[in-house]
Amino acid sequence: MAEWCGLETDRAAMLALYDLDAGGFSALDGITDFAAALCEAPIALVSIVESTRQRFLARTGIDATETPRDVSFCAHAMLGAEIFVVSDAREDQRFSGNGLVTGPPYIRFYAGAPLVDSDGVPLGALCVIDAAPRSDLTPLQRQGLALLARQVMATLEGRRRDQDIIAQQREDALAIANSDRMFRTLADTMPQMVWSTLPDGYHDYYNARWYEYTGMPVGSTDGEGWNDMFHPDEQQLSWSRWRHSLETGDPYEVEYRLRHHSGEYRWTLGRALPIRDAAGVITRWIGTCTDIHEQKLMMEEREMIAHELSHRIKNIFAVIAGLIGLSARTRPEMRDAADELRDRILSLGRAHDFVRPHSADSTTPDGQGTLRGVLDQIFAPYQGPDGPRVRIAGDNPAVDDRSATPLALLFHELATNAAKYGALSTAEGRVDLHISTENDDIRMDWREAGGPSVSTPESTGFGSQLMSLSVERQLGGRMRREWAAEGLSISLWIPLRSMRRGLAGKG
């Protein structure tokens, strides 16, 4: 009993998938017409057996569209694997008292081919009925009825697939509508302007913030109308960046001035990223516009103040160097020490001017903010007729104003000592400086050659103390010296984090 109830539950669920109440089964009428003719029977039916009735999806030779299930022959036929045949219903104890036998259409002969779906669930039968008894169908009629039953199921299964597709399309459309509604709600709550485009770049959506900000009528900036919102000076740049992103799929980012509803052009940061499908094909672009006008003005003001401070600091270097020179003229015995000190001060000024230019005129585009650029300033006085006497090779790490000052002092001291006592004191002498990245450090190897023979000094002078102060105290590095016969060798290890702000942990 439980098994039977379970089967009926499965059948009811399966029948619901075919949406039988929607009609549209005219294609089955030709099958019942052919079945009746093939089997030489006055009646043929496509009968679907439900919980309390059997309904006729197609019929030939009868006007009724359904009958109660308890008088259904097809309810028996659908449970077998072969064609179910009743030769004479009046002589069959199962059907002799059936109302369809004792009354219209006075069934005597019945033959039904089961209709079973691809999941093995019986749905009903394709049957032929005659008011006269007969022993059986012919082999050809059996074969034909079975083939026609399979055709009925093919038609019904196709309808079911169509229904599944339609249902899935409805679910997908609902999901898209819900997603779109959620996206628009989320976009309208954001403080940024949000927009989207089709894969070819056609703008088809802006959130409420865009229209509030620009004051433009809804829809007026669709397509390419958005470009007119940019300041004329930035239109070409914005278009160029946008076309590059569309062609390559690269993220879009550009700063431009966007016209505010007040008529003012305000600085804005535009960004966009592509959305791709499973195959990697771009299906849409989603972008934002962020008002950065106040931040931009603040940065410009800070830069102006920084330039002014830099200018004053450079003036201080010049004043100090001037004071040292003035003191040396009144105290001749201090001249040598004063000259050394003045050179050190001037080297600091050159390094500072290089990494923090005090005006647009003092900006050096080549090597700006790099160690090689600072060193070129320090070693400029040591150029020979045949090329630089201090040859630099290897990496060129970034530096900032914090590290440039101690590095300038360090290499000024090395170059000055080499010019006085080492390789640069002779015409043939040379210095090789190799720079490399070693783990989390920048390694610098200073090698002198071609100068007079050197030996380990008996005491440490001010210059050596100054180098140690620059490397170890200010930069947190370490230094190793070797006084070889062919010339001084010094190896330095400076932590990357000390070279430039924001480089900690980067190799």
Protein backbone atom coordinates (compact mmCIF):
# COMPACT_ATOMS: atom_id res chain seq x y z
CA MET A 1 0.00 0.00 0.00
CA ALA A 2 2.79 2.39 0.97
CA GLU A 3 4.60 1.57 -2.28
CA TRP A 4 1.46 2.32 -4.29
CA CYS A 5 0.95 5.67 -2.50
CA GLY A 6 4.57 6.55 -3.21
CA LEU A 7 4.12 5.74 -6.91
CA GLU A 8 1.02 7.92 -7.14
CA THR A 9 2.85 10.80 -5.45
CA ASP A 10 5.68 10.50 -7.98
CA ARG A 11 3.18 10.34 -10.84
CA ALA A 12 1.33 13.44 -9.64
CA ALA A 13 4.59 15.38 -9.40
CA MET A 14 5.65 14.20 -12.85
CA LEU A 15 2.31 15.01 -14.49
CA ALA A 16 2.54 18.55 -13.09
CA LEU A 17 5.70 19.08 -15.16
CA TYR A 18 3.75 18.61 -18.41
CA ASP A 19 1.30 21.45 -17.68
CA LEU A 20 -1.57 19.47 -19.23
CA ASP A 21 -4.16 22.11 -18.40
CA ALA A 22 -2.52 24.49 -20.89
CA GLY A 23 -3.82 22.40 -23.83
CA GLY A 24 -2.12 22.55 -27.19
CA PHE A 25 -2.05 18.83 -28.03
CA SER A 26 -3.38 19.03 -31.58
CA ALA A 27 -0.25 17.25 -32.84
CA LEU A 28 -1.49 14.09 -31.10
CA ASP A 29 -4.76 14.01 -33.05
CA GLY A 30 -2.99 12.70 -36.12
CA ILE A 31 -1.52 9.87 -34.01
CA THR A 32 -4.93 8.68 -32.79
CA ASP A 33 -6.35 8.92 -36.32
CA PHE A 34 -3.52 6.76 -37.63
CA ALA A 35 -3.76 4.31 -34.71
CA ALA A 36 -7.48 3.80 -35.36
CA ALA A 37 -6.88 3.22 -39.06
CA LEU A 38 -3.90 0.92 -38.43
CA CYS A 39 -5.75 -1.25 -35.96
CA GLU A 40 -9.08 -1.07 -37.84
CA ALA A 41 -10.78 0.21 -34.65
CA PRO A 42 -13.50 2.86 -34.43
CA ILE A 43 -11.94 4.54 -31.35
CA ALA A 44 -8.37 5.53 -30.43
CA LEU A 45 -7.29 7.59 -27.45
CA VAL A 46 -4.19 9.16 -25.84
CA SER A 47 -5.23 8.73 -22.22
CA ILE A 48 -3.39 10.24 -19.24
CA VAL A 49 -4.37 8.63 -15.95
CA GLU A 50 -4.59 11.04 -13.02
CA SER A 51 -5.56 10.48 -9.39
CA THR A 52 -9.34 10.51 -9.91
CA ARG A 53 -9.80 10.57 -13.66
CA GLN A 54 -8.33 9.76 -17.02
CA ARG A 55 -8.19 12.64 -19.47
CA PHE A 56 -7.95 12.26 -23.23
CA LEU A 57 -5.29 14.48 -24.73
CA ALA A 58 -6.27 13.27 -28.21
CA ARG A 59 -9.22 11.16 -29.34
CA THR A 60 -10.69 9.66 -32.48
CA GLY A 61 -14.24 8.28 -32.67
CA ILE A 62 -15.48 9.56 -29.31
CA ASP A 63 -16.66 12.92 -27.95
CA ALA A 64 -15.85 12.42 -24.25
CA THR A 65 -12.76 14.28 -22.99
CA GLU A 66 -12.38 12.29 -19.74
CA THR A 67 -13.86 9.48 -17.62
CA PRO A 68 -13.47 8.51 -13.95
CA ARG A 69 -10.30 6.61 -13.16
CA ASP A 70 -12.16 3.68 -11.58
CA VAL A 71 -13.51 2.65 -15.00
CA SER A 72 -10.20 3.20 -16.80
CA PHE A 73 -8.73 0.34 -18.86
CA CYS A 74 -5.63 2.47 -19.39
CA ALA A 75 -4.91 2.48 -15.64
CA HIS A 76 -4.18 -1.22 -16.08
CA ALA A 77 -2.38 -0.88 -19.39
CA MET A 78 0.14 1.71 -18.12
CA LEU A 79 1.47 -0.63 -15.43
CA GLY A 80 2.81 -3.24 -17.85
CA ALA A 81 5.79 -3.30 -20.14
CA GLU A 82 3.94 -4.71 -23.15
CA ILE A 83 0.70 -3.93 -24.97
CA PHE A 84 -2.26 -4.71 -22.73
CA VAL A 85 -5.04 -6.57 -24.56
CA VAL A 86 -8.61 -7.38 -23.46
CA SER A 87 -10.19 -9.61 -26.12
CA ASP A 88 -13.77 -9.53 -24.79
CA ALA A 89 -14.48 -7.25 -21.83
CA ARG A 90 -17.92 -8.82 -21.20
CA GLU A 91 -16.20 -12.17 -20.59
CA ASP A 92 -13.37 -10.69 -18.45
CA GLN A 93 -14.20 -10.66 -14.73
CA ARG A 94 -12.10 -7.48 -14.25
CA PHE A 95 -14.24 -5.46 -16.64
CA SER A 96 -17.56 -7.22 -17.15
CA GLY A 97 -19.37 -4.84 -14.77
CA ASN A 98 -17.48 -1.74 -15.95
CA GLY A 99 -19.81 1.14 -16.91
CA LEU A 100 -17.89 1.62 -20.16
CA VAL A 101 -18.64 -2.00 -21.03
CA THR A 102 -22.26 -2.13 -19.97
CA GLY A 103 -22.91 1.36 -21.37
CA PRO A 104 -21.48 3.62 -24.10
CA PRO A 105 -19.13 3.14 -25.81
CA TYR A 106 -19.82 -0.56 -25.05
CA ILE A 107 -16.21 -1.67 -25.00
CA ARG A 108 -15.61 -5.29 -26.00
CA PHE A 109 -12.06 -5.17 -27.37
CA TYR A 110 -9.27 -3.03 -25.86
CA ALA A 111 -5.54 -2.79 -26.71
CA GLY A 112 -3.32 -0.22 -24.95
CA ALA A 113 0.41 0.56 -25.30
CA PRO A 114 1.79 2.02 -22.05
CA LEU A 115 3.02 5.61 -22.00
CA VAL A 116 6.10 5.71 -19.74
CA ASP A 117 8.35 8.75 -19.41
CA SER A 118 12.16 8.79 -19.43
CA ASP A 119 12.23 8.50 -15.64
CA GLY A 120 10.20 5.28 -15.77
CA VAL A 121 6.99 6.84 -14.43
CA PRO A 122 3.78 5.49 -16.09
CA LEU A 123 1.51 8.26 -17.36
CA GLY A 124 -1.26 6.46 -19.23
CA ALA A 125 -1.71 4.64 -22.53
CA LEU A 126 -2.27 4.97 -26.27
CA CYS A 127 -5.25 2.67 -26.85
CA VAL A 128 -7.65 1.44 -29.51
CA ILE A 129 -11.21 0.32 -28.70
CA ASP A 130 -13.80 -1.73 -30.57
CA ALA A 131 -17.41 -2.60 -29.77
CA ALA A 132 -16.83 -6.08 -31.22
CA PRO A 133 -14.57 -8.68 -29.58
CA ARG A 134 -11.42 -9.90 -31.32
CA SER A 135 -8.63 -12.24 -30.25
CA ASP A 136 -5.70 -9.82 -30.60
CA LEU A 137 -3.94 -7.33 -32.81
CA THR A 138 -1.89 -8.51 -35.71
CA PRO A 139 1.93 -8.40 -35.27
CA LEU A 140 2.10 -5.39 -37.57
CA GLN A 141 -0.63 -3.61 -35.59
CA ARG A 142 1.19 -4.35 -32.31
CA GLN A 143 4.44 -3.03 -33.72
CA GLY A 144 2.71 0.08 -35.09
CA LEU A 145 0.85 0.82 -31.85
CA ALA A 146 4.08 0.54 -29.85
CA LEU A 147 5.87 2.88 -32.25
CA LEU A 148 3.01 5.38 -32.07
CA ALA A 149 3.12 5.24 -28.24
CA ARG A 150 6.81 6.15 -28.36
CA GLN A 151 5.93 9.03 -30.69
CA VAL A 152 3.33 10.24 -28.18
CA MET A 153 5.98 10.21 -25.43
CA ALA A 154 8.47 12.01 -27.66
CA THR A 155 5.87 14.75 -28.18
CA LEU A 156 5.07 14.95 -24.47
CA GLU A 157 8.77 14.92 -23.46
CA GLY A 158 9.44 17.72 -25.92
CA ARG A 159 6.62 19.70 -24.38
CA ARG A 160 8.05 19.03 -20.93
CA ARG A 161 11.47 20.27 -22.03
CA ASP A 162 9.87 23.36 -23.47
CA GLN A 163 8.06 23.92 -20.18
CA ASP A 164 11.32 23.45 -18.28
CA ILE A 165 13.05 25.95 -20.55
CA ILE A 166 10.22 28.43 -20.16
CA ALA A 167 10.25 27.95 -16.39
CA GLN A 168 14.02 28.38 -16.30
CA GLN A 169 13.78 31.46 -18.46
CA ARG A 170 11.19 32.88 -16.10
CA GLU A 171 13.42 32.10 -13.10
CA ASP A 172 16.41 33.62 -14.85
CA ALA A 173 14.46 36.70 -15.80
CA LEU A 174 13.21 37.04 -12.23
CA ALA A 175 16.73 36.56 -10.88
CA ILE A 176 18.08 39.17 -13.30
CA ALA A 177 15.28 41.56 -12.37
CA ASN A 178 15.97 41.03 -8.67
CA SER A 179 19.70 41.40 -9.21
CA ASP A 180 19.21 44.54 -11.26
CA ARG A 181 16.89 45.97 -8.63
CA MET A 182 19.40 45.19 -5.88
CA PHE A 183 22.26 46.67 -7.92
CA ARG A 184 20.34 49.88 -8.62
CA THR A 185 19.32 50.17 -4.97
CA LEU A 186 22.89 49.62 -3.83
CA ALA A 187 24.26 52.00 -6.45
CA ASP A 188 21.80 54.72 -5.47
CA THR A 189 22.87 54.48 -1.81
CA MET A 190 26.56 54.94 -2.65
CA PRO A 191 28.16 58.36 -2.25
CA GLN A 192 29.96 57.82 -5.56
CA MET A 193 28.59 58.21 -9.05
CA VAL A 194 28.14 54.73 -10.57
CA TRP A 195 27.76 53.91 -14.25
CA SER A 196 27.83 50.89 -16.53
CA THR A 197 28.36 50.26 -20.22
CA LEU A 198 27.86 47.53 -22.75
CA PRO A 199 30.98 45.67 -23.97
CA ASP A 200 31.42 48.19 -26.80
CA GLY A 201 31.49 51.06 -24.31
CA TYR A 202 27.94 52.34 -24.83
CA HIS A 203 26.84 53.95 -21.54
CA ASP A 204 23.41 52.65 -20.61
CA TYR A 205 23.14 53.28 -16.86
CA TYR A 206 23.93 56.01 -14.33
CA ASN A 207 22.88 55.98 -10.69
CA ALA A 208 20.94 58.73 -9.00
CA ARG A 209 24.12 60.33 -7.64
CA TRP A 210 25.34 61.05 -11.19
CA TYR A 211 22.20 63.00 -12.08
CA GLU A 212 22.22 64.81 -8.73
CA TYR A 213 25.86 65.79 -9.23
CA THR A 214 25.68 66.83 -12.87
CA GLY A 215 22.14 68.19 -12.85
CA MET A 216 21.54 66.53 -16.23
CA PRO A 217 18.13 65.07 -17.23
CA VAL A 218 17.85 61.30 -16.85
CA GLY A 219 19.06 59.54 -20.00
CA SER A 220 20.65 62.63 -21.54
CA THR A 221 24.21 61.36 -21.02
CA ASP A 222 23.65 57.85 -22.37
CA GLY A 223 25.80 56.67 -25.25
CA GLU A 224 28.61 59.17 -25.85
CA GLY A 225 26.86 62.14 -24.25
CA TRP A 226 28.97 61.74 -21.12
CA ASN A 227 32.09 63.10 -22.84
CA ASP A 228 30.61 66.59 -23.00
CA MET A 229 30.59 66.63 -19.20
CA PHE A 230 34.41 66.69 -19.07
CA HIS A 231 36.51 69.82 -19.08
CA PRO A 232 37.68 70.41 -22.67
CA ASP A 233 41.32 70.02 -21.57
CA GLU A 234 40.68 66.46 -20.34
CA GLN A 235 38.31 65.17 -23.01
CA GLN A 236 41.02 63.81 -25.29
CA LEU A 237 42.87 62.13 -22.40
CA SER A 238 39.70 60.53 -21.05
CA TRP A 239 38.67 59.25 -24.48
CA SER A 240 42.16 57.88 -25.11
CA ARG A 241 42.27 56.01 -21.81
CA TRP A 242 38.73 54.68 -22.31
CA ARG A 243 39.42 53.43 -25.84
CA HIS A 244 42.57 51.69 -24.58
CA SER A 245 40.56 49.89 -21.87
CA LEU A 246 37.87 48.83 -24.35
CA GLU A 247 40.48 47.47 -26.75
CA THR A 248 42.63 45.66 -24.17
CA GLY A 249 40.32 44.94 -21.22
CA ASP A 250 42.73 46.79 -18.91
CA PRO A 251 41.21 48.59 -15.91
CA TYR A 252 40.25 52.19 -16.61
CA GLU A 253 41.53 54.96 -14.34
CA VAL A 254 41.90 58.66 -15.05
CA GLU A 255 41.61 61.99 -13.26
CA TYR A 256 39.60 64.71 -14.98
CA ARG A 257 37.51 67.76 -14.25
CA LEU A 258 33.78 67.01 -14.38
CA ARG A 259 31.12 69.70 -14.74
CA HIS A 260 29.10 70.08 -11.54
CA HIS A 261 25.45 71.17 -11.65
CA SER A 262 26.66 74.57 -10.36
CA GLY A 263 28.65 75.03 -13.57
CA GLU A 264 31.98 74.56 -11.79
CA TYR A 265 34.41 71.94 -13.07
CA ARG A 266 35.52 69.74 -10.18
CA TRP A 267 38.33 67.19 -10.13
CA THR A 268 37.03 63.62 -10.30
CA LEU A 269 38.65 60.18 -10.23
CA GLY A 270 37.12 57.85 -12.82
CA ARG A 271 37.60 54.10 -12.53
CA ALA A 272 36.07 51.07 -14.27
CA LEU A 273 36.56 47.31 -14.33
CA PRO A 274 35.25 44.76 -16.85
CA ILE A 275 32.82 41.97 -15.93
CA ARG A 276 33.65 38.75 -17.77
CA ASP A 277 31.69 35.54 -18.37
CA ALA A 278 33.00 32.02 -17.75
CA ALA A 279 34.85 32.12 -21.08
CA GLY A 280 36.59 35.38 -20.19
CA VAL A 281 34.55 37.49 -22.60
CA ILE A 282 33.68 40.98 -21.36
CA THR A 283 29.92 41.29 -20.88
CA ARG A 284 29.79 44.71 -19.20
CA TRP A 285 31.87 47.49 -17.65
CA ILE A 286 31.07 48.88 -14.19
CA GLY A 287 32.59 52.23 -13.28
CA THR A 288 32.58 54.92 -10.62
CA CYS A 289 33.29 58.64 -10.48
CA THR A 290 34.60 59.98 -7.17
CA ASP A 291 34.74 63.68 -6.36
CA ILE A 292 38.38 64.36 -5.34
CA HIS A 293 38.28 68.12 -5.84
CA GLU A 294 39.02 69.04 -2.21
CA GLN A 295 41.77 66.42 -1.92
CA LYS A 296 43.29 67.64 -5.20
CA LEU A 297 43.37 71.25 -4.03
CA MET A 298 44.78 70.16 -0.69
CA MET A 299 47.57 68.20 -2.39
CA GLU A 300 48.39 71.16 -4.63
CA GLU A 301 48.51 73.41 -1.57
CA ARG A 302 50.74 70.94 0.27
CA GLU A 303 53.04 70.71 -2.74
CA MET A 304 53.27 74.48 -2.91
CA ILE A 305 54.13 74.64 0.79
CA ALA A 306 56.68 71.84 0.35
CA HIS A 307 58.34 73.72 -2.50
CA GLU A 308 58.47 76.87 -0.39
CA LEU A 309 59.97 74.98 2.55
CA SER A 310 62.45 73.30 0.22
CA HIS A 311 63.45 76.68 -1.15
CA ARG A 312 64.03 78.01 2.35
CA ILE A 313 66.00 74.92 3.38
CA LYS A 314 68.25 75.34 0.35
CA ASN A 315 68.73 78.97 1.30
CA ILE A 316 69.73 77.82 4.78
CA PHE A 317 72.36 75.51 3.26
CA ALA A 318 73.66 78.44 1.23
CA VAL A 319 73.69 80.75 4.26
CA ILE A 320 75.57 78.18 6.35
CA ALA A 321 78.12 77.61 3.58
CA GLY A 322 78.53 81.38 3.29
CA LEU A 323 79.07 81.77 7.02
CA ILE A 324 81.68 79.01 6.96
CA GLY A 325 83.51 80.72 4.10
CA LEU A 326 83.37 84.08 5.90
CA SER A 327 84.75 82.54 9.09
CA ALA A 328 87.60 80.89 7.16
CA ARG A 329 88.67 84.24 5.70
CA THR A 330 89.04 85.75 9.18
CA ARG A 331 90.68 82.63 10.58
CA PRO A 332 93.20 81.35 8.00
CA GLU A 333 94.27 78.47 10.25
CA MET A 334 90.70 77.05 9.87
CA ARG A 335 90.63 77.30 6.07
CA ASP A 336 91.18 73.59 5.28
CA ALA A 337 88.62 72.36 7.81
CA ALA A 338 86.20 75.10 6.76
CA ASP A 339 86.51 74.15 3.09
CA GLU A 340 85.75 70.52 3.91
CA LEU A 341 82.75 71.48 6.00
CA ARG A 342 81.47 73.86 3.30
CA ASP A 343 81.77 71.11 0.67
CA ARG A 344 79.79 68.78 2.89
CA ILE A 345 77.06 71.38 3.36
CA LEU A 346 76.90 72.04 -0.38
CA SER A 347 76.65 68.31 -1.14
CA LEU A 348 73.70 68.09 1.23
CA GLY A 349 72.11 70.99 -0.58
CA ARG A 350 72.55 69.34 -3.98
CA ALA A 351 71.06 66.06 -2.73
CA HIS A 352 68.13 67.87 -1.11
CA ASP A 353 67.48 69.91 -4.24
CA PHE A 354 67.47 66.72 -6.29
CA VAL A 355 64.94 64.68 -4.29
CA ARG A 356 62.85 67.68 -3.18
CA PRO A 357 63.06 70.40 -5.87
CA HIS A 358 62.07 73.81 -4.56
CA SER A 359 60.69 74.97 -7.91
CA ALA A 360 59.74 73.67 -11.33
CA ASP A 361 63.02 75.04 -12.70
CA SER A 362 65.08 72.94 -10.27
CA THR A 363 63.27 69.70 -11.10
CA THR A 364 65.54 67.16 -12.80
CA PRO A 365 63.42 64.75 -14.88
CA ASP A 366 66.19 62.19 -15.47
CA GLY A 367 66.70 59.96 -12.45
CA GLN A 368 64.44 62.04 -10.23
CA GLY A 369 64.05 60.31 -6.87
CA THR A 370 66.59 57.54 -7.55
CA LEU A 371 69.94 56.70 -5.96
CA ARG A 372 71.74 56.94 -9.31
CA GLY A 373 70.45 60.49 -9.74
CA VAL A 374 71.73 61.56 -6.30
CA LEU A 375 75.12 59.95 -6.94
CA ASP A 376 75.46 61.67 -10.30
CA GLN A 377 75.12 64.99 -8.46
CA ILE A 378 77.73 64.01 -5.86
CA PHE A 379 80.25 62.61 -8.35
CA ALA A 380 79.87 65.38 -10.97
CA PRO A 381 83.17 67.08 -9.95
CA TYR A 382 85.09 63.85 -10.59
CA GLN A 383 84.48 63.48 -14.29
CA GLY A 384 87.59 62.83 -16.40
CA PRO A 385 88.29 63.69 -20.04
CA ASP A 386 87.77 60.04 -20.94
CA GLY A 387 84.52 59.59 -19.00
CA PRO A 388 83.45 59.25 -15.38
CA ARG A 389 86.15 58.17 -12.94
CA VAL A 390 83.47 56.83 -10.59
CA ARG A 391 81.65 54.13 -12.56
CA ILE A 392 78.23 53.07 -11.28
CA ALA A 393 76.64 49.73 -12.23
CA GLY A 394 73.77 47.52 -11.10
CA ASP A 395 70.40 48.48 -9.65
CA ASN A 396 68.97 51.97 -9.29
CA PRO A 397 66.72 51.92 -6.20
CA ALA A 398 64.35 54.72 -5.30
CA VAL A 399 65.28 57.21 -2.56
CA ASP A 400 63.46 60.05 -0.84
CA ASP A 401 64.43 63.17 1.10
CA ARG A 402 64.86 61.15 4.30
CA SER A 403 67.55 58.81 2.90
CA ALA A 404 69.14 61.17 0.36
CA THR A 405 70.82 63.35 3.00
CA PRO A 406 72.84 60.64 4.81
CA LEU A 407 73.63 58.94 1.47
CA ALA A 408 74.92 62.24 0.08
CA LEU A 409 77.13 62.75 3.13
CA LEU A 410 78.43 59.18 2.90
CA PHE A 411 79.40 59.23 -0.77
CA HIS A 412 80.67 62.80 -0.64
CA GLU A 413 83.03 61.68 2.09
CA LEU A 414 84.15 58.61 0.14
CA ALA A 415 84.75 60.63 -3.04
CA THR A 416 86.60 63.38 -1.15
CA ASN A 417 88.87 60.88 0.62
CA ALA A 418 89.51 59.05 -2.67
CA ALA A 419 90.47 62.37 -4.29
CA LYS A 420 92.84 63.23 -1.43
CA TYR A 421 94.39 59.91 -0.54
CA GLY A 422 92.95 57.14 -2.73
CA ALA A 423 92.27 56.13 -6.31
CA LEU A 424 91.06 59.55 -7.49
CA SER A 425 94.31 61.21 -6.35
CA THR A 426 96.09 59.84 -9.43
CA ALA A 427 95.27 60.25 -13.12
CA GLU A 428 94.99 56.48 -13.64
CA GLY A 429 92.83 55.72 -10.60
CA ARG A 430 89.23 54.61 -10.87
CA VAL A 431 86.36 53.76 -8.53
CA ASP A 432 83.71 51.10 -9.27
CA LEU A 433 80.43 51.26 -7.37
CA HIS A 434 78.10 48.27 -7.77
CA ILE A 435 74.55 48.41 -6.41
CA SER A 436 72.38 45.32 -5.95
CA THR A 437 69.35 44.04 -4.02
CA GLU A 438 70.22 41.39 -1.46
CA ASN A 439 67.23 39.99 0.45
CA ASP A 440 65.70 43.01 2.25
CA ASP A 441 68.78 45.19 1.81
CA ILE A 442 70.38 47.35 -0.85
CA ARG A 443 74.03 46.34 -1.09
CA MET A 444 76.61 48.86 -2.34
CA ASP A 445 80.21 47.83 -3.04
CA TRP A 446 82.76 50.65 -3.38
CA ARG A 447 86.04 49.42 -4.96
CA GLU A 448 89.05 51.71 -5.55
CA ALA A 449 91.86 50.74 -7.94
CA GLY A 450 94.84 52.37 -9.67
CA GLY A 451 95.68 54.73 -6.85
CA PRO A 452 98.50 54.72 -4.28
CA SER A 453 98.94 51.77 -1.97
CA VAL A 454 96.81 52.08 1.18
CA SER A 455 96.98 50.56 4.65
CA THR A 456 94.76 50.35 7.68
CA PRO A 457 94.80 53.72 9.48
CA GLU A 458 95.97 53.82 13.08
CA SER A 459 93.05 55.99 14.21
CA THR A 460 89.55 56.81 13.09
CA GLY A 461 89.09 60.34 11.76
CA PHE A 462 86.05 62.58 11.65
CA GLY A 463 85.21 61.46 8.10
CA SER A 464 85.05 57.80 9.13
CA GLN A 465 82.89 58.70 12.11
CA LEU A 466 80.61 60.70 9.82
CA MET A 467 80.21 57.72 7.45
CA SER A 468 79.42 55.38 10.35
CA LEU A 469 76.87 57.87 11.65
CA SER A 470 75.19 58.09 8.23
CA VAL A 471 75.09 54.33 7.59
CA GLU A 472 74.43 52.89 11.02
CA ARG A 473 72.58 55.55 12.97
CA GLN A 474 70.55 57.32 10.31
CA LEU A 475 69.93 54.49 7.83
CA GLY A 476 70.05 51.48 10.18
CA GLY A 477 72.56 49.70 7.96
CA ARG A 478 76.02 48.20 8.36
CA MET A 479 79.39 48.81 6.77
CA ARG A 480 82.50 46.70 6.17
CA ARG A 481 85.92 48.21 5.23
CA GLU A 482 88.95 46.48 3.73
CA TRP A 483 92.23 48.32 3.18
CA ALA A 484 93.75 46.16 0.45
CA ALA A 485 97.07 47.06 -1.16
CA GLU A 486 95.40 47.86 -4.49
CA GLY A 487 92.85 50.19 -2.91
CA LEU A 488 90.09 50.69 -0.38
CA SER A 489 87.03 48.42 -0.54
CA ILE A 490 83.84 49.22 1.34
CA SER A 491 80.60 47.17 1.37
CA LEU A 492 77.38 48.70 2.64
CA TRP A 493 74.03 47.08 3.44
CA ILE A 494 71.12 49.54 3.74
CA PRO A 495 67.62 48.19 4.59
CA LEU A 496 65.11 48.71 1.79
CA ARG A 497 62.69 50.31 4.24
CA SER A 498 65.30 53.03 4.94
CA MET A 499 65.71 53.96 1.28
CA ARG A 500 62.19 55.24 0.63
CA ARG A 501 58.92 55.42 2.54
CA GLY A 502 56.48 52.66 1.59
CA LEU A 503 59.14 50.21 0.37
CA ALA A 504 59.17 48.06 3.51
CA GLY A 505 58.85 44.40 2.59
CA LYS A 506 59.35 45.00 -1.15
CA GLY A 507 62.21 43.44 -3.05
